[in-house]
Amino acid sequence: MTVANQQAEFKRKVLLYPGEDSYFVVEVPSLPGCISQGRTREEAIANIEEAITLYIEVLQDRGEPVPSDTVEIVLV
């Protein structure tokens, strides 16, 4: 797999919201339990990018399937 393909595979839709402690919280709905945070929006995004990469690498190392990013955003 090329680096470009690998980077594209590791891109995911995330939920980004302010936490109670004035940090930003980031969750990846398509990767259960993949959650991070940061003091700033940018730090939170950088942290979740690293978490996504590591999460997917662990799945691949274990020979487990990588879930598709099939999250649909709907406003209700």
PDB file of N, CA and C in Angstrom:
ATOM      1  N   MET A   1       0.853  -1.172   0.000  1.00  0.00           N
ATOM      2  CA  MET A   1       0.000   0.000   0.000  1.00  0.00           C
ATOM      3  C   MET A   1       0.900   1.237   0.000  1.00  0.00           C
ATOM      4  N   THR A   2       0.600   2.189  -0.866  1.00  0.00           N
ATOM      5  CA  THR A   2       1.408   3.402  -0.926  1.00  0.00           C
ATOM      6  C   THR A   2       1.092   4.291   0.267  1.00  0.00           C
ATOM      7  N   VAL A   3       1.983   5.221   0.548  1.00  0.00           N
ATOM      8  CA  VAL A   3       1.787   6.156   1.657  1.00  0.00           C
ATOM      9  C   VAL A   3       0.513   6.971   1.444  1.00  0.00           C
ATOM     10  N   ALA A   4       0.259   7.410   0.212  1.00  0.00           N
ATOM     11  CA  ALA A   4      -0.950   8.199  -0.076  1.00  0.00           C
ATOM     12  C   ALA A   4      -2.206   7.378   0.176  1.00  0.00           C
ATOM     13  N   ASN A   5      -2.207   6.112  -0.252  1.00  0.00           N
ATOM     14  CA  ASN A   5      -3.361   5.248  -0.010  1.00  0.00           C
ATOM     15  C   ASN A   5      -3.553   4.992   1.477  1.00  0.00           C
ATOM     16  N   GLN A   6      -2.442   4.784   2.181  1.00  0.00           N
ATOM     17  CA  GLN A   6      -2.518   4.529   3.609  1.00  0.00           C
ATOM     18  C   GLN A   6      -3.071   5.753   4.332  1.00  0.00           C
ATOM     19  N   GLN A   7      -2.614   6.946   3.974  1.00  0.00           N
ATOM     20  CA  GLN A   7      -3.109   8.168   4.609  1.00  0.00           C
ATOM     21  C   GLN A   7      -4.589   8.361   4.319  1.00  0.00           C
ATOM     22  N   ALA A   8      -5.024   8.067   3.111  1.00  0.00           N
ATOM     23  CA  ALA A   8      -6.432   8.202   2.757  1.00  0.00           C
ATOM     24  C   ALA A   8      -7.266   7.206   3.549  1.00  0.00           C
ATOM     25  N   GLU A   9      -6.754   5.993   3.737  1.00  0.00           N
ATOM     26  CA  GLU A   9      -7.480   4.973   4.496  1.00  0.00           C
ATOM     27  C   GLU A   9      -7.640   5.390   5.955  1.00  0.00           C
ATOM     28  N   PHE A  10      -6.676   6.113   6.480  1.00  0.00           N
ATOM     29  CA  PHE A  10      -6.703   6.494   7.885  1.00  0.00           C
ATOM     30  C   PHE A  10      -7.556   7.740   8.134  1.00  0.00           C
ATOM     31  N   LYS A  11      -8.077   8.384   7.100  1.00  0.00           N
ATOM     32  CA  LYS A  11      -8.945   9.551   7.276  1.00  0.00           C
ATOM     33  C   LYS A  11     -10.326   9.077   7.700  1.00  0.00           C
ATOM     34  N   ARG A  12     -10.908   9.725   8.698  1.00  0.00           N
ATOM     35  CA  ARG A  12     -12.190   9.328   9.250  1.00  0.00           C
ATOM     36  C   ARG A  12     -13.019  10.560   9.609  1.00  0.00           C
ATOM     37  N   LYS A  13     -14.339  10.380   9.589  1.00  0.00           N
ATOM     38  CA  LYS A  13     -15.224  11.422  10.098  1.00  0.00           C
ATOM     39  C   LYS A  13     -15.140  11.371  11.620  1.00  0.00           C
ATOM     40  N   VAL A  14     -15.073  12.533  12.243  1.00  0.00           N
ATOM     41  CA  VAL A  14     -14.969  12.600  13.695  1.00  0.00           C
ATOM     42  C   VAL A  14     -16.006  13.568  14.253  1.00  0.00           C
ATOM     43  N   LEU A  15     -16.286  13.399  15.531  1.00  0.00           N
ATOM     44  CA  LEU A  15     -17.109  14.348  16.265  1.00  0.00           C
ATOM     45  C   LEU A  15     -16.169  15.180  17.120  1.00  0.00           C
ATOM     46  N   LEU A  16     -16.285  16.477  17.031  1.00  0.00           N
ATOM     47  CA  LEU A  16     -15.428  17.389  17.779  1.00  0.00           C
ATOM     48  C   LEU A  16     -16.339  18.298  18.588  1.00  0.00           C
ATOM     49  N   TYR A  17     -16.127  18.320  19.912  1.00  0.00           N
ATOM     50  CA  TYR A  17     -16.985  19.148  20.757  1.00  0.00           C
ATOM     51  C   TYR A  17     -16.235  19.569  22.018  1.00  0.00           C
ATOM     52  N   PRO A  18     -16.678  20.683  22.634  1.00  0.00           N
ATOM     53  CA  PRO A  18     -16.019  21.139  23.859  1.00  0.00           C
ATOM     54  C   PRO A  18     -16.373  20.226  25.027  1.00  0.00           C
ATOM     55  N   GLY A  19     -15.375  19.877  25.807  1.00  0.00           N
ATOM     56  CA  GLY A  19     -15.593  19.064  26.999  1.00  0.00           C
ATOM     57  C   GLY A  19     -15.853  19.947  28.206  1.00  0.00           C
ATOM     58  N   GLU A  20     -16.191  19.329  29.309  1.00  0.00           N
ATOM     59  CA  GLU A  20     -16.498  20.068  30.527  1.00  0.00           C
ATOM     60  C   GLU A  20     -15.286  20.782  31.109  1.00  0.00           C
ATOM     61  N   ASP A  21     -14.102  20.296  30.813  1.00  0.00           N
ATOM     62  CA  ASP A  21     -12.878  20.843  31.390  1.00  0.00           C
ATOM     63  C   ASP A  21     -12.203  21.858  30.473  1.00  0.00           C
ATOM     64  N   SER A  22     -12.935  22.404  29.528  1.00  0.00           N
ATOM     65  CA  SER A  22     -12.474  23.393  28.535  1.00  0.00           C
ATOM     66  C   SER A  22     -11.482  22.818  27.517  1.00  0.00           C
ATOM     67  N   TYR A  23     -11.357  21.507  27.473  1.00  0.00           N
ATOM     68  CA  TYR A  23     -10.609  20.838  26.416  1.00  0.00           C
ATOM     69  C   TYR A  23     -11.582  20.508  25.295  1.00  0.00           C
ATOM     70  N   PHE A  24     -11.049  20.257  24.104  1.00  0.00           N
ATOM     71  CA  PHE A  24     -11.865  19.769  23.008  1.00  0.00           C
ATOM     72  C   PHE A  24     -11.784  18.244  23.006  1.00  0.00           C
ATOM     73  N   VAL A  25     -12.920  17.596  22.866  1.00  0.00           N
ATOM     74  CA  VAL A  25     -12.998  16.140  22.821  1.00  0.00           C
ATOM     75  C   VAL A  25     -13.263  15.735  21.376  1.00  0.00           C
ATOM     76  N   VAL A  26     -12.625  14.645  20.944  1.00  0.00           N
ATOM     77  CA  VAL A  26     -12.804  14.150  19.578  1.00  0.00           C
ATOM     78  C   VAL A  26     -13.069  12.647  19.651  1.00  0.00           C
ATOM     79  N   GLU A  27     -14.129  12.209  18.969  1.00  0.00           N
ATOM     80  CA  GLU A  27     -14.480  10.796  18.913  1.00  0.00           C
ATOM     81  C   GLU A  27     -14.564  10.354  17.460  1.00  0.00           C
ATOM     82  N   VAL A  28     -14.246   9.089  17.227  1.00  0.00           N
ATOM     83  CA  VAL A  28     -14.326   8.508  15.891  1.00  0.00           C
ATOM     84  C   VAL A  28     -15.431   7.445  15.922  1.00  0.00           C
ATOM     85  N   PRO A  29     -16.640   7.778  15.455  1.00  0.00           N
ATOM     86  CA  PRO A  29     -17.751   6.832  15.536  1.00  0.00           C
ATOM     87  C   PRO A  29     -17.488   5.495  14.836  1.00  0.00           C
ATOM     88  N   SER A  30     -16.731   5.492  13.770  1.00  0.00           N
ATOM     89  CA  SER A  30     -16.485   4.248  13.034  1.00  0.00           C
ATOM     90  C   SER A  30     -15.408   3.371  13.680  1.00  0.00           C
ATOM     91  N   LEU A  31     -14.721   3.898  14.699  1.00  0.00           N
ATOM     92  CA  LEU A  31     -13.701   3.128  15.413  1.00  0.00           C
ATOM     93  C   LEU A  31     -14.050   3.154  16.901  1.00  0.00           C
ATOM     94  N   PRO A  32     -14.857   2.214  17.375  1.00  0.00           N
ATOM     95  CA  PRO A  32     -15.328   2.228  18.760  1.00  0.00           C
ATOM     96  C   PRO A  32     -14.194   2.374  19.773  1.00  0.00           C
ATOM     97  N   GLY A  33     -14.358   3.326  20.679  1.00  0.00           N
ATOM     98  CA  GLY A  33     -13.364   3.556  21.718  1.00  0.00           C
ATOM     99  C   GLY A  33     -12.224   4.463  21.312  1.00  0.00           C
ATOM    100  N   CYS A  34     -12.202   4.915  20.071  1.00  0.00           N
ATOM    101  CA  CYS A  34     -11.137   5.799  19.602  1.00  0.00           C
ATOM    102  C   CYS A  34     -11.546   7.237  19.921  1.00  0.00           C
ATOM    103  N   ILE A  35     -11.021   7.739  21.039  1.00  0.00           N
ATOM    104  CA  ILE A  35     -11.369   9.064  21.555  1.00  0.00           C
ATOM    105  C   ILE A  35     -10.086   9.760  21.979  1.00  0.00           C
ATOM    106  N   SER A  36     -10.033  11.064  21.781  1.00  0.00           N
ATOM    107  CA  SER A  36      -8.889  11.845  22.236  1.00  0.00           C
ATOM    108  C   SER A  36      -9.377  13.227  22.640  1.00  0.00           C
ATOM    109  N   GLN A  37      -8.437  14.077  23.002  1.00  0.00           N
ATOM    110  CA  GLN A  37      -8.773  15.445  23.380  1.00  0.00           C
ATOM    111  C   GLN A  37      -7.559  16.335  23.195  1.00  0.00           C
ATOM    112  N   GLY A  38      -7.762  17.628  23.348  1.00  0.00           N
ATOM    113  CA  GLY A  38      -6.668  18.587  23.252  1.00  0.00           C
ATOM    114  C   GLY A  38      -7.101  19.921  23.817  1.00  0.00           C
ATOM    115  N   ARG A  39      -6.136  20.715  24.196  1.00  0.00           N
ATOM    116  CA  ARG A  39      -6.439  22.038  24.756  1.00  0.00           C
ATOM    117  C   ARG A  39      -7.041  22.968  23.719  1.00  0.00           C
ATOM    118  N   THR A  40      -6.597  22.787  22.485  1.00  0.00           N
ATOM    119  CA  THR A  40      -7.124  23.595  21.387  1.00  0.00           C
ATOM    120  C   THR A  40      -7.744  22.659  20.367  1.00  0.00           C
ATOM    121  N   ARG A  41      -8.518  23.244  19.474  1.00  0.00           N
ATOM    122  CA  ARG A  41      -9.134  22.466  18.392  1.00  0.00           C
ATOM    123  C   ARG A  41      -8.046  21.769  17.564  1.00  0.00           C
ATOM    124  N   GLU A  42      -6.989  22.510  17.242  1.00  0.00           N
ATOM    125  CA  GLU A  42      -5.899  21.980  16.420  1.00  0.00           C
ATOM    126  C   GLU A  42      -5.181  20.833  17.128  1.00  0.00           C
ATOM    127  N   GLU A  43      -4.944  20.992  18.428  1.00  0.00           N
ATOM    128  CA  GLU A  43      -4.272  19.933  19.185  1.00  0.00           C
ATOM    129  C   GLU A  43      -5.152  18.686  19.258  1.00  0.00           C
ATOM    130  N   ALA A  44      -6.442  18.865  19.451  1.00  0.00           N
ATOM    131  CA  ALA A  44      -7.362  17.731  19.504  1.00  0.00           C
ATOM    132  C   ALA A  44      -7.362  16.982  18.178  1.00  0.00           C
ATOM    133  N   ILE A  45      -7.381  17.700  17.076  1.00  0.00           N
ATOM    134  CA  ILE A  45      -7.373  17.069  15.750  1.00  0.00           C
ATOM    135  C   ILE A  45      -6.054  16.336  15.517  1.00  0.00           C
ATOM    136  N   ALA A  46      -4.947  16.948  15.880  1.00  0.00           N
ATOM    137  CA  ALA A  46      -3.647  16.276  15.727  1.00  0.00           C
ATOM    138  C   ALA A  46      -3.601  15.008  16.573  1.00  0.00           C
ATOM    139  N   ASN A  47      -4.142  15.075  17.782  1.00  0.00           N
ATOM    140  CA  ASN A  47      -4.139  13.908  18.667  1.00  0.00           C
ATOM    141  C   ASN A  47      -5.005  12.778  18.118  1.00  0.00           C
ATOM    142  N   ILE A  48      -6.163  13.118  17.560  1.00  0.00           N
ATOM    143  CA  ILE A  48      -7.040  12.062  17.042  1.00  0.00           C
ATOM    144  C   ILE A  48      -6.472  11.476  15.755  1.00  0.00           C
ATOM    145  N   GLU A  49      -5.767  12.269  14.963  1.00  0.00           N
ATOM    146  CA  GLU A  49      -5.117  11.713  13.769  1.00  0.00           C
ATOM    147  C   GLU A  49      -4.119  10.635  14.165  1.00  0.00           C
ATOM    148  N   GLU A  50      -3.355  10.897  15.211  1.00  0.00           N
ATOM    149  CA  GLU A  50      -2.396   9.908  15.696  1.00  0.00           C
ATOM    150  C   GLU A  50      -3.126   8.683  16.253  1.00  0.00           C
ATOM    151  N   ALA A  51      -4.208   8.914  16.997  1.00  0.00           N
ATOM    152  CA  ALA A  51      -4.972   7.809  17.575  1.00  0.00           C
ATOM    153  C   ALA A  51      -5.579   6.932  16.479  1.00  0.00           C
ATOM    154  N   ILE A  52      -6.100   7.551  15.424  1.00  0.00           N
ATOM    155  CA  ILE A  52      -6.676   6.795  14.303  1.00  0.00           C
ATOM    156  C   ILE A  52      -5.604   5.924  13.654  1.00  0.00           C
ATOM    157  N   THR A  53      -4.455   6.495  13.388  1.00  0.00           N
ATOM    158  CA  THR A  53      -3.353   5.755  12.765  1.00  0.00           C
ATOM    159  C   THR A  53      -2.970   4.551  13.611  1.00  0.00           C
ATOM    160  N   LEU A  54      -2.794   4.765  14.911  1.00  0.00           N
ATOM    161  CA  LEU A  54      -2.391   3.669  15.796  1.00  0.00           C
ATOM    162  C   LEU A  54      -3.487   2.614  15.914  1.00  0.00           C
ATOM    163  N   TYR A  55      -4.726   3.037  15.999  1.00  0.00           N
ATOM    164  CA  TYR A  55      -5.861   2.118  16.102  1.00  0.00           C
ATOM    165  C   TYR A  55      -5.895   1.187  14.890  1.00  0.00           C
ATOM    166  N   ILE A  56      -5.796   1.776  13.706  1.00  0.00           N
ATOM    167  CA  ILE A  56      -5.851   0.985  12.474  1.00  0.00           C
ATOM    168  C   ILE A  56      -4.617   0.082  12.349  1.00  0.00           C
ATOM    169  N   GLU A  57      -3.463   0.581  12.736  1.00  0.00           N
ATOM    170  CA  GLU A  57      -2.254  -0.255  12.681  1.00  0.00           C
ATOM    171  C   GLU A  57      -2.381  -1.474  13.585  1.00  0.00           C
ATOM    172  N   VAL A  58      -2.970  -1.303  14.764  1.00  0.00           N
ATOM    173  CA  VAL A  58      -3.159  -2.431  15.680  1.00  0.00           C
ATOM    174  C   VAL A  58      -4.121  -3.451  15.066  1.00  0.00           C
ATOM    175  N   LEU A  59      -5.213  -2.971  14.497  1.00  0.00           N
ATOM    176  CA  LEU A  59      -6.144  -3.895  13.838  1.00  0.00           C
ATOM    177  C   LEU A  59      -5.436  -4.684  12.741  1.00  0.00           C
ATOM    178  N   GLN A  60      -4.657  -3.992  11.914  1.00  0.00           N
ATOM    179  CA  GLN A  60      -3.948  -4.653  10.820  1.00  0.00           C
ATOM    180  C   GLN A  60      -2.917  -5.652  11.341  1.00  0.00           C
ATOM    181  N   ASP A  61      -2.192  -5.278  12.397  1.00  0.00           N
ATOM    182  CA  ASP A  61      -1.202  -6.189  12.980  1.00  0.00           C
ATOM    183  C   ASP A  61      -1.858  -7.458  13.513  1.00  0.00           C
ATOM    184  N   ARG A  62      -3.070  -7.337  14.015  1.00  0.00           N
ATOM    185  CA  ARG A  62      -3.810  -8.481  14.562  1.00  0.00           C
ATOM    186  C   ARG A  62      -4.539  -9.270  13.475  1.00  0.00           C
ATOM    187  N   GLY A  63      -4.511  -8.753  12.253  1.00  0.00           N
ATOM    188  CA  GLY A  63      -5.216  -9.412  11.162  1.00  0.00           C
ATOM    189  C   GLY A  63      -6.725  -9.223  11.232  1.00  0.00           C
ATOM    190  N   GLU A  64      -7.151  -8.211  11.962  1.00  0.00           N
ATOM    191  CA  GLU A  64      -8.584  -7.928  12.110  1.00  0.00           C
ATOM    192  C   GLU A  64      -9.029  -6.949  11.030  1.00  0.00           C
ATOM    193  N   PRO A  65     -10.297  -7.003  10.643  1.00  0.00           N
ATOM    194  CA  PRO A  65     -10.772  -6.074   9.612  1.00  0.00           C
ATOM    195  C   PRO A  65     -10.838  -4.640  10.130  1.00  0.00           C
ATOM    196  N   VAL A  66     -10.581  -3.709   9.242  1.00  0.00           N
ATOM    197  CA  VAL A  66     -10.685  -2.287   9.573  1.00  0.00           C
ATOM    198  C   VAL A  66     -12.097  -1.837   9.192  1.00  0.00           C
ATOM    199  N   PRO A  67     -12.878  -1.362  10.168  1.00  0.00           N
ATOM    200  CA  PRO A  67     -14.249  -0.945   9.856  1.00  0.00           C
ATOM    201  C   PRO A  67     -14.273   0.184   8.827  1.00  0.00           C
ATOM    202  N   SER A  68     -15.287   0.146   7.981  1.00  0.00           N
ATOM    203  CA  SER A  68     -15.474   1.225   7.017  1.00  0.00           C
ATOM    204  C   SER A  68     -15.954   2.477   7.739  1.00  0.00           C
ATOM    205  N   ASP A  69     -15.655   3.611   7.155  1.00  0.00           N
ATOM    206  CA  ASP A  69     -16.114   4.892   7.724  1.00  0.00           C
ATOM    207  C   ASP A  69     -17.443   5.235   7.055  1.00  0.00           C
ATOM    208  N   THR A  70     -18.501   4.572   7.507  1.00  0.00           N
ATOM    209  CA  THR A  70     -19.805   4.744   6.882  1.00  0.00           C
ATOM    210  C   THR A  70     -20.735   5.627   7.707  1.00  0.00           C
ATOM    211  N   VAL A  71     -20.149   6.487   8.495  1.00  0.00           N
ATOM    212  CA  VAL A  71     -20.943   7.381   9.344  1.00  0.00           C
ATOM    213  C   VAL A  71     -21.702   8.364   8.460  1.00  0.00           C
ATOM    214  N   GLU A  72     -22.971   8.507   8.771  1.00  0.00           N
ATOM    215  CA  GLU A  72     -23.810   9.487   8.068  1.00  0.00           C
ATOM    216  C   GLU A  72     -24.206  10.557   9.071  1.00  0.00           C
ATOM    217  N   ILE A  73     -24.022  11.804   8.688  1.00  0.00           N
ATOM    218  CA  ILE A  73     -24.370  12.913   9.565  1.00  0.00           C
ATOM    219  C   ILE A  73     -25.755  13.407   9.169  1.00  0.00           C
ATOM    220  N   VAL A  74     -26.661  13.381  10.155  1.00  0.00           N
ATOM    221  CA  VAL A  74     -28.038  13.784   9.920  1.00  0.00           C
ATOM    222  C   VAL A  74     -28.427  14.783  10.999  1.00  0.00           C
ATOM    223  N   LEU A  75     -29.003  15.874  10.613  1.00  0.00           N
ATOM    224  CA  LEU A  75     -29.459  16.891  11.555  1.00  0.00           C
ATOM    225  C   LEU A  75     -30.915  16.613  11.887  1.00  0.00           C
ATOM    226  N   VAL A  76     -31.247  16.432  13.173  1.00  0.00           N
ATOM    227  CA  VAL A  76     -32.635  16.152  13.570  1.00  0.00           C
ATOM    228  C   VAL A  76     -33.111  17.169  14.596  1.00  0.00           C
TER     229      VAL A  76
END
